[in-house]
């Protein structure tokens, strides 16, 4: 199974990596490894985490205060947010409408 990031989720991820790297050398890399480990758990067990509605789920990272907001579309995990858990909890919800139409999904990810 493959995965893709919503463009805003990808930006959140990169910003968090940069933030942690500024805090301490290599901490950004450790954060990135943790996020990718979390994504691998999601790929292995996509239905294992708490549903947040409309087949959208959240899987928490083990070491950092982040959750990966995602849903499964066909044979792909779509990551809507790399969410810092202390942030406003519903800030990402407008992103899900972008992926509801398959044609828009393909256009955003360069497959259309």
Protein backbone atom coordinates (compact mmCIF):
# COMPACT_ATOMS: atom_id res chain seq x y z
CA UNK A 1 0.00 0.00 0.00
CA UNK A 2 1.25 3.50 -0.78
CA UNK A 3 0.62 6.84 0.92
CA UNK A 4 0.39 10.49 -0.05
CA UNK A 5 0.28 13.78 1.82
CA UNK A 6 -2.23 16.57 1.37
CA UNK A 7 -0.03 19.56 0.39
CA UNK A 8 -0.78 21.33 3.70
CA UNK A 9 0.06 18.18 5.64
CA UNK A 10 3.36 17.93 3.84
CA UNK A 11 4.11 21.57 4.72
CA UNK A 12 3.23 20.89 8.37
CA UNK A 13 5.56 17.93 8.39
CA UNK A 14 8.48 19.92 6.92
CA UNK A 15 7.90 22.81 9.32
CA UNK A 16 7.89 20.45 12.29
CA UNK A 17 11.11 18.80 11.10
CA UNK A 18 12.72 22.25 10.81
CA UNK A 19 11.44 23.28 14.25
CA UNK A 20 12.84 20.19 15.96
CA UNK A 21 16.12 20.52 14.09
CA UNK A 22 16.45 24.09 15.43
CA UNK A 23 15.80 22.80 18.94
CA UNK A 24 18.60 20.24 18.75
CA UNK A 25 20.83 18.80 16.04
CA UNK A 26 19.34 15.59 14.57
CA UNK A 27 16.08 15.95 16.51
CA UNK A 28 14.36 16.88 13.25
CA UNK A 29 15.61 13.65 11.71
CA UNK A 30 14.37 11.72 14.74
CA UNK A 31 10.96 13.36 14.36
CA UNK A 32 10.85 12.46 10.65
CA UNK A 33 11.76 8.85 11.47
CA UNK A 34 8.99 8.73 14.07
CA UNK A 35 6.40 10.09 11.61
CA UNK A 36 7.44 7.58 8.94
CA UNK A 37 7.32 4.74 11.51
CA UNK A 38 3.80 5.85 12.39
CA UNK A 39 2.84 5.87 8.71
CA UNK A 40 4.19 2.32 8.37
CA UNK A 41 1.99 1.23 11.29
CA UNK A 42 -0.98 2.85 9.56
CA UNK A 43 -0.18 1.04 6.30
CA UNK A 44 0.03 -2.30 8.13
CA UNK A 45 -3.17 -1.77 10.15
CA UNK A 46 -5.20 1.04 8.51
CA UNK A 47 -8.35 0.36 10.54
CA UNK A 48 -6.69 -0.04 13.93
CA UNK A 49 -6.94 3.53 15.21
CA UNK A 50 -9.76 5.59 16.55
CA UNK A 51 -12.18 6.83 13.87
CA UNK A 52 -12.84 10.56 13.88
CA UNK A 53 -15.82 10.32 11.52
CA UNK A 54 -16.34 9.66 7.81
CA UNK A 55 -13.63 6.95 7.77
CA UNK A 56 -11.01 9.47 8.91
CA UNK A 57 -8.71 8.19 11.63
CA UNK A 58 -5.91 9.43 13.84
CA UNK A 59 -2.78 7.53 14.81
CA UNK A 60 -0.52 9.04 17.46
CA UNK A 61 3.23 9.10 17.22
CA UNK A 62 5.00 7.40 20.09
CA UNK A 63 7.63 9.95 21.00
CA UNK A 64 6.35 13.37 19.90
CA UNK A 65 3.03 15.12 20.61
CA UNK A 66 1.70 14.58 17.08
CA UNK A 67 -1.07 12.64 15.42
CA UNK A 68 -1.34 11.56 11.80
CA UNK A 69 -4.83 12.26 10.47
CA UNK A 70 -5.60 10.00 7.50
CA UNK A 71 -8.06 7.91 5.60
CA UNK A 72 -7.82 4.96 3.25
CA UNK A 73 -8.79 5.51 -0.37
CA UNK A 74 -8.67 2.36 -2.49
CA UNK A 75 -5.14 1.03 -1.95
CA UNK A 76 -3.68 4.28 -0.61
CA UNK A 77 -3.40 6.08 2.72
CA UNK A 78 -4.17 9.78 2.31
CA UNK A 79 -2.58 11.90 5.06
CA UNK A 80 -4.67 14.99 5.73
CA UNK A 81 -2.63 16.40 8.61
CA UNK A 82 0.51 15.96 10.65
CA UNK A 83 -1.19 17.45 13.67
CA UNK A 84 0.52 18.93 16.67
CA UNK A 85 -1.79 17.75 19.45
CA UNK A 86 -1.86 21.07 21.30
CA UNK A 87 -3.23 22.89 18.25
CA UNK A 88 -6.86 23.69 17.53
CA UNK A 89 -8.22 20.16 16.99
CA UNK A 90 -10.39 20.68 13.90
CA UNK A 91 -8.17 23.04 11.88
CA UNK A 92 -7.55 20.40 9.18
CA UNK A 93 -11.19 19.45 8.45
CA UNK A 94 -11.56 21.60 5.35
CA UNK A 95 -8.84 19.49 3.69
CA UNK A 96 -10.94 16.35 3.47
CA UNK A 97 -13.26 17.83 0.84
CA UNK A 98 -10.33 18.10 -1.59
CA UNK A 99 -10.00 14.31 -1.66
CA UNK A 100 -13.67 13.40 -1.83
CA UNK A 101 -13.75 13.81 -5.60
CA UNK A 102 -11.37 11.31 -7.22
CA UNK A 103 -10.54 13.65 -10.10
CA UNK A 104 -9.41 16.39 -7.74
CA UNK A 105 -7.36 13.83 -5.81
CA UNK A 106 -5.57 12.79 -9.00
CA UNK A 107 -4.95 16.41 -10.06
CA UNK A 108 -3.44 17.41 -6.71
CA UNK A 109 -1.07 14.44 -6.67
CA UNK A 110 -0.05 14.80 -10.33
CA UNK A 111 -1.87 11.71 -11.53
CA UNK A 112 -4.62 13.33 -13.58
